[in-house]
C-alpha atoms as a PDB file:
ATOM      1  CA  MET A   1     100.833  96.443 119.603  1.00  0.00           C
ATOM      2  CA  HIS A   2     100.211  99.108 117.342  1.00  0.00           C
ATOM      3  CA  ALA A   3      97.808 102.093 119.500  1.00  0.00           C
ATOM      4  CA  ALA A   4      95.052 101.741 117.389  1.00  0.00           C
ATOM      5  CA  TRP A   5      94.243  98.946 119.441  1.00  0.00           C
ATOM      6  CA  LEU A   6      94.390 101.064 122.564  1.00  0.00           C
ATOM      7  CA  LYS A   7      92.934 103.597 121.142  1.00  0.00           C
ATOM      8  CA  GLY A   8      89.793 105.190 122.805  1.00  0.00           C
ATOM      9  CA  HIS A   9      89.849 101.706 126.163  1.00  0.00           C
ATOM     10  CA  LYS A  10      89.487 103.091 129.235  1.00  0.00           C
ATOM     11  CA  ASP A  11      91.203  99.835 130.864  1.00  0.00           C
ATOM     12  CA  LYS A  12      94.788  99.837 128.307  1.00  0.00           C
ATOM     13  CA  ASP A  13      96.099  96.893 130.156  1.00  0.00           C
ATOM     14  CA  ALA A  14      92.638  94.546 129.741  1.00  0.00           C
ATOM     15  CA  ARG A  15      92.412  95.918 126.078  1.00  0.00           C
ATOM     16  CA  LYS A  16      96.531  94.426 125.777  1.00  0.00           C
ATOM     17  CA  ALA A  17      95.457  91.583 127.440  1.00  0.00           C
ATOM     18  CA  GLN A  18      92.843  90.791 126.114  1.00  0.00           C
ATOM     19  CA  ILE A  19      94.156  91.400 122.187  1.00  0.00           C
ATOM     20  CA  GLU A  20      97.213  89.918 122.429  1.00  0.00           C
ATOM     21  CA  SER A  21      95.248  86.319 123.807  1.00  0.00           C
ATOM     22  CA  ALA A  22      93.853  86.907 120.050  1.00  0.00           C
ATOM     23  CA  SER A  23      96.981  86.781 119.162  1.00  0.00           C
ATOM     24  CA  TRP A  24      97.702  83.103 117.168  1.00  0.00           C
ATOM     25  CA  ALA A  25      94.928  84.060 114.987  1.00  0.00           C
ATOM     26  CA  PHE A  26      96.547  87.274 113.735  1.00  0.00           C
ATOM     27  CA  GLY A  27      99.851  85.006 113.544  1.00  0.00           C
ATOM     28  CA  LEU A  28      97.249  82.968 110.599  1.00  0.00           C
ATOM     29  CA  LEU A  29      95.692  86.064 109.457  1.00  0.00           C
ATOM     30  CA  GLU A  30      99.079  86.819 108.196  1.00  0.00           C
ATOM     31  CA  GLU A  31     100.480  83.243 106.861  1.00  0.00           C
ATOM     32  CA  VAL A  32      96.920  84.058 104.745  1.00  0.00           C
ATOM     33  CA  LEU A  33      97.615  87.171 103.858  1.00  0.00           C
ATOM     34  CA  GLU A  34     101.724  86.990 102.923  1.00  0.00           C
ATOM     35  CA  ALA A  35     100.644  83.982 101.099  1.00  0.00           C
ATOM     36  CA  GLU A  36      97.484  84.448  98.768  1.00  0.00           C
ATOM     37  CA  PHE A  37      97.078  88.343  98.693  1.00  0.00           C
ATOM     38  CA  ARG A  38     101.550  89.492  97.040  1.00  0.00           C
ATOM     39  CA  LYS A  39     102.111  92.789  96.188  1.00  0.00           C
ATOM     40  CA  LYS A  40     101.524  94.391  93.125  1.00  0.00           C
ATOM     41  CA  ASP A  41     104.426  95.235  90.732  1.00  0.00           C
ATOM     42  CA  ASN A  42     104.266  98.813  89.534  1.00  0.00           C
ATOM     43  CA  PHE A  43     102.869  99.117  86.170  1.00  0.00           C
ATOM     44  CA  ARG A  44     105.011 101.261  84.037  1.00  0.00           C
ATOM     45  CA  ASP A  45     103.493  99.956  80.803  1.00  0.00           C
ATOM     46  CA  TYR A  46     103.122 104.291  79.444  1.00  0.00           C
ATOM     47  CA  SER A  47     102.436 103.800  76.314  1.00  0.00           C
ATOM     48  CA  ASP A  48      99.327 102.141  78.384  1.00  0.00           C
ATOM     49  CA  PRO A  49      96.539 105.923  78.295  1.00  0.00           C
ATOM     50  CA  GLN A  50      95.182 104.529  81.892  1.00  0.00           C
ATOM     51  CA  TRP A  51      99.140 103.543  83.183  1.00  0.00           C
ATOM     52  CA  VAL A  52      98.823 106.832  86.105  1.00  0.00           C
ATOM     53  CA  HIS A  53      95.773 105.185  87.030  1.00  0.00           C
ATOM     54  CA  LYS A  54      97.358 101.338  87.195  1.00  0.00           C
ATOM     55  CA  GLN A  55     100.352 102.850  89.094  1.00  0.00           C
ATOM     56  CA  ILE A  56      98.193 104.884  92.101  1.00  0.00           C
ATOM     57  CA  ALA A  57      96.377 101.503  92.512  1.00  0.00           C
ATOM     58  CA  ALA A  58      98.606  99.060  92.461  1.00  0.00           C
ATOM     59  CA  HIS A  59     100.864 101.714  94.802  1.00  0.00           C
ATOM     60  CA  GLU A  60      97.532 101.792  97.107  1.00  0.00           C
ATOM     61  CA  TYR A  61      96.943  98.135  97.309  1.00  0.00           C
ATOM     62  CA  ASN A  62     100.360  97.741  97.824  1.00  0.00           C
ATOM     63  CA  GLN A  63     100.511  99.899 101.218  1.00  0.00           C
ATOM     64  CA  ALA A  64      96.828  99.232 102.243  1.00  0.00           C
ATOM     65  CA  LEU A  65      98.285  95.474 102.422  1.00  0.00           C
ATOM     66  CA  ASP A  66     101.611  96.265 104.609  1.00  0.00           C
ATOM     67  CA  ASP A  67      98.924  98.716 107.148  1.00  0.00           C
ATOM     68  CA  ILE A  68      97.359  95.784 107.460  1.00  0.00           C
ATOM     69  CA  LEU A  69     100.268  93.504 108.167  1.00  0.00           C
ATOM     70  CA  ASN A  70     101.679  96.070 110.583  1.00  0.00           C
ATOM     71  CA  LEU A  71      98.807  96.386 112.410  1.00  0.00           C
ATOM     72  CA  ILE A  72      98.085  92.496 113.010  1.00  0.00           C
ATOM     73  CA  ARG A  73     101.694  92.023 114.184  1.00  0.00           C
ATOM     74  CA  LEU A  74     102.228  92.651 117.617  1.00  0.00           C
ATOM     75  CA  ASN A  75     105.186  92.294 118.399  1.00  0.00           C
ATOM     76  CA  LYS A  76     107.568  93.849 115.117  1.00  0.00           C
ATOM     77  CA  ARG A  77     107.522  97.580 116.069  1.00  0.00           C
END
């Protein structure tokens, strides 16, 4: 379980139980994210003057998606 779920909570065991009781919803969310929000391909059209910005945007999108998936995958750490 990602430490962010427990951060700032005094009763870590109660918080962990609360999060684990919602694991079914995280599983459904993971399925939707993987099906509907696919990683974007790298942008490599170097003739486009905006290629750097488009490449950065694709990388940031992919990183945000990975961060969310890592957060909701409770037992995959």
